[in-house]
Amino acid sequence: MPKQKHYSRINDNYQGKVEYYQALLSNSIDAHDIDKQLFYMKKLTYFINRQKDLIGNTESDLVILER
């Protein structure tokens, strides 16, 4: 059995996904597709909140390290 490669996540930045779903949302607005707009807004909200959580955790880690 071949050894499986394990890749660790180096960059936990969601900015690329936020930009991607912003573009899709913009296109769906131009196309007047309400179903896609709702879907992309949910995805966009999810990734924005993930990024906010990541930034919040990073800032709290920095505070702990400074003590």
N, C-alpha and C. Protein backbone atom coordinates (compact mmCIF):
# COMPACT_ATOMS: atom_id res chain seq x y z
N MET A 1 0.84 -1.17 0.00
CA MET A 1 0.00 0.00 0.00
C MET A 1 0.89 1.25 0.00
N PRO A 2 0.69 2.17 -0.97
CA PRO A 2 1.54 3.36 -1.04
C PRO A 2 1.24 4.31 0.12
N LYS A 3 2.28 5.01 0.53
CA LYS A 3 2.13 5.98 1.60
C LYS A 3 1.31 7.18 1.12
N GLN A 4 0.39 7.62 1.96
CA GLN A 4 -0.41 8.78 1.60
C GLN A 4 0.34 10.05 1.99
N LYS A 5 0.25 11.03 1.14
CA LYS A 5 0.87 12.31 1.43
C LYS A 5 -0.07 13.12 2.31
N HIS A 6 0.51 13.80 3.27
CA HIS A 6 -0.27 14.65 4.16
C HIS A 6 0.13 16.10 3.92
N TYR A 7 -0.83 16.89 3.54
CA TYR A 7 -0.58 18.30 3.30
C TYR A 7 -1.22 19.11 4.42
N SER A 8 -0.43 19.94 5.06
CA SER A 8 -0.99 20.80 6.09
C SER A 8 -1.36 22.13 5.45
N ARG A 9 -2.33 22.74 6.03
CA ARG A 9 -2.80 24.02 5.54
C ARG A 9 -1.87 25.11 6.05
N ILE A 10 -1.23 25.79 5.15
CA ILE A 10 -0.30 26.83 5.55
C ILE A 10 -1.02 28.17 5.68
N ASN A 11 -1.92 28.45 4.77
CA ASN A 11 -2.60 29.74 4.74
C ASN A 11 -4.09 29.54 5.03
N ASP A 12 -4.55 29.99 6.17
CA ASP A 12 -5.96 29.89 6.51
C ASP A 12 -6.68 31.19 6.18
N ASN A 13 -6.33 31.78 5.08
CA ASN A 13 -6.90 33.05 4.67
C ASN A 13 -8.08 32.79 3.74
N TYR A 14 -9.21 33.37 4.05
CA TYR A 14 -10.41 33.16 3.25
C TYR A 14 -10.65 34.28 2.25
N GLN A 15 -9.71 35.19 2.11
CA GLN A 15 -9.89 36.34 1.24
C GLN A 15 -10.17 35.93 -0.21
N GLY A 16 -9.49 34.93 -0.70
CA GLY A 16 -9.72 34.49 -2.07
C GLY A 16 -11.14 33.99 -2.29
N LYS A 17 -11.67 33.26 -1.32
CA LYS A 17 -13.04 32.76 -1.44
C LYS A 17 -14.04 33.89 -1.32
N VAL A 18 -13.74 34.87 -0.48
CA VAL A 18 -14.63 36.03 -0.36
C VAL A 18 -14.69 36.77 -1.70
N GLU A 19 -13.54 37.00 -2.31
CA GLU A 19 -13.50 37.70 -3.60
C GLU A 19 -14.22 36.89 -4.68
N TYR A 20 -14.05 35.58 -4.66
CA TYR A 20 -14.70 34.70 -5.64
C TYR A 20 -16.22 34.81 -5.54
N TYR A 21 -16.75 34.69 -4.32
CA TYR A 21 -18.20 34.74 -4.15
C TYR A 21 -18.75 36.15 -4.33
N GLN A 22 -17.94 37.17 -4.09
CA GLN A 22 -18.39 38.53 -4.41
C GLN A 22 -18.58 38.69 -5.91
N ALA A 23 -17.67 38.14 -6.69
CA ALA A 23 -17.78 38.23 -8.14
C ALA A 23 -19.00 37.46 -8.64
N LEU A 24 -19.21 36.26 -8.09
CA LEU A 24 -20.38 35.48 -8.50
C LEU A 24 -21.68 36.17 -8.11
N LEU A 25 -21.69 36.78 -6.94
CA LEU A 25 -22.88 37.52 -6.50
C LEU A 25 -23.14 38.69 -7.43
N SER A 26 -22.10 39.41 -7.78
CA SER A 26 -22.25 40.54 -8.69
C SER A 26 -22.82 40.10 -10.05
N ASN A 27 -22.31 38.98 -10.57
CA ASN A 27 -22.81 38.45 -11.84
C ASN A 27 -24.27 38.03 -11.73
N SER A 28 -24.64 37.42 -10.61
CA SER A 28 -26.03 36.98 -10.45
C SER A 28 -26.97 38.17 -10.29
N ILE A 29 -26.48 39.27 -9.71
CA ILE A 29 -27.29 40.49 -9.62
C ILE A 29 -27.52 41.06 -11.01
N ASP A 30 -26.46 41.09 -11.82
CA ASP A 30 -26.60 41.58 -13.19
C ASP A 30 -27.57 40.73 -14.01
N ALA A 31 -27.59 39.42 -13.71
CA ALA A 31 -28.45 38.49 -14.45
C ALA A 31 -29.86 38.40 -13.85
N HIS A 32 -30.10 39.10 -12.76
CA HIS A 32 -31.40 39.10 -12.07
C HIS A 32 -31.82 37.69 -11.65
N ASP A 33 -30.84 36.90 -11.20
CA ASP A 33 -31.12 35.53 -10.75
C ASP A 33 -31.17 35.51 -9.22
N ILE A 34 -32.37 35.61 -8.68
CA ILE A 34 -32.54 35.74 -7.23
C ILE A 34 -32.09 34.50 -6.48
N ASP A 35 -32.36 33.31 -7.03
CA ASP A 35 -31.94 32.08 -6.35
C ASP A 35 -30.43 32.02 -6.17
N LYS A 36 -29.71 32.37 -7.22
CA LYS A 36 -28.24 32.37 -7.12
C LYS A 36 -27.76 33.48 -6.20
N GLN A 37 -28.45 34.62 -6.20
CA GLN A 37 -28.06 35.71 -5.31
C GLN A 37 -28.14 35.26 -3.86
N LEU A 38 -29.23 34.61 -3.51
CA LEU A 38 -29.40 34.13 -2.14
C LEU A 38 -28.33 33.11 -1.78
N PHE A 39 -28.05 32.19 -2.70
CA PHE A 39 -27.03 31.17 -2.46
C PHE A 39 -25.65 31.81 -2.25
N TYR A 40 -25.28 32.73 -3.15
CA TYR A 40 -23.95 33.36 -3.05
C TYR A 40 -23.85 34.26 -1.83
N MET A 41 -24.95 34.90 -1.42
CA MET A 41 -24.91 35.72 -0.22
C MET A 41 -24.66 34.85 1.01
N LYS A 42 -25.27 33.66 1.05
CA LYS A 42 -25.03 32.74 2.17
C LYS A 42 -23.57 32.29 2.20
N LYS A 43 -23.03 31.94 1.05
CA LYS A 43 -21.63 31.51 0.97
C LYS A 43 -20.70 32.66 1.37
N LEU A 44 -21.00 33.84 0.87
CA LEU A 44 -20.17 35.00 1.16
C LEU A 44 -20.20 35.32 2.66
N THR A 45 -21.37 35.27 3.25
CA THR A 45 -21.50 35.51 4.69
C THR A 45 -20.71 34.48 5.49
N TYR A 46 -20.78 33.23 5.07
CA TYR A 46 -20.04 32.17 5.76
C TYR A 46 -18.54 32.44 5.75
N PHE A 47 -17.98 32.74 4.57
CA PHE A 47 -16.54 32.93 4.48
C PHE A 47 -16.09 34.25 5.12
N ILE A 48 -16.93 35.27 5.10
CA ILE A 48 -16.58 36.51 5.80
C ILE A 48 -16.52 36.25 7.30
N ASN A 49 -17.48 35.51 7.82
CA ASN A 49 -17.46 35.19 9.26
C ASN A 49 -16.28 34.31 9.63
N ARG A 50 -15.92 33.38 8.75
CA ARG A 50 -14.73 32.55 9.01
C ARG A 50 -13.47 33.42 9.06
N GLN A 51 -13.38 34.38 8.15
CA GLN A 51 -12.22 35.27 8.14
C GLN A 51 -12.20 36.13 9.40
N LYS A 52 -13.37 36.63 9.81
CA LYS A 52 -13.43 37.43 11.03
C LYS A 52 -13.01 36.60 12.24
N ASP A 53 -13.46 35.34 12.31
CA ASP A 53 -13.07 34.47 13.41
C ASP A 53 -11.56 34.23 13.41
N LEU A 54 -11.00 34.03 12.22
CA LEU A 54 -9.57 33.80 12.10
C LEU A 54 -8.78 35.02 12.57
N ILE A 55 -9.22 36.19 12.17
CA ILE A 55 -8.54 37.42 12.59
C ILE A 55 -8.67 37.59 14.09
N GLY A 56 -9.84 37.31 14.64
CA GLY A 56 -10.06 37.43 16.08
C GLY A 56 -9.18 36.48 16.85
N ASN A 57 -9.04 35.24 16.38
CA ASN A 57 -8.19 34.26 17.06
C ASN A 57 -6.73 34.65 16.98
N THR A 58 -6.31 35.18 15.85
CA THR A 58 -4.93 35.60 15.67
C THR A 58 -4.60 36.75 16.62
N GLU A 59 -5.53 37.70 16.75
CA GLU A 59 -5.29 38.83 17.65
C GLU A 59 -5.22 38.37 19.10
N SER A 60 -6.07 37.42 19.48
CA SER A 60 -6.03 36.95 20.87
C SER A 60 -4.74 36.17 21.12
N ASP A 61 -4.24 35.45 20.11
CA ASP A 61 -2.97 34.74 20.26
C ASP A 61 -1.83 35.73 20.45
N LEU A 62 -1.88 36.86 19.74
CA LEU A 62 -0.84 37.86 19.87
C LEU A 62 -0.85 38.48 21.26
N VAL A 63 -2.03 38.69 21.81
CA VAL A 63 -2.12 39.26 23.15
C VAL A 63 -1.50 38.31 24.17
N ILE A 64 -1.77 37.03 24.03
CA ILE A 64 -1.22 36.05 24.95
C ILE A 64 0.30 36.01 24.85
N LEU A 65 0.82 36.10 23.64
CA LEU A 65 2.27 36.06 23.46
C LEU A 65 2.97 37.30 24.00
N GLU A 66 2.27 38.42 24.03
CA GLU A 66 2.89 39.66 24.49
C GLU A 66 3.01 39.72 26.00
N ARG A 67 2.26 38.94 26.72
CA ARG A 67 2.30 38.98 28.19
C ARG A 67 3.56 38.45 28.76
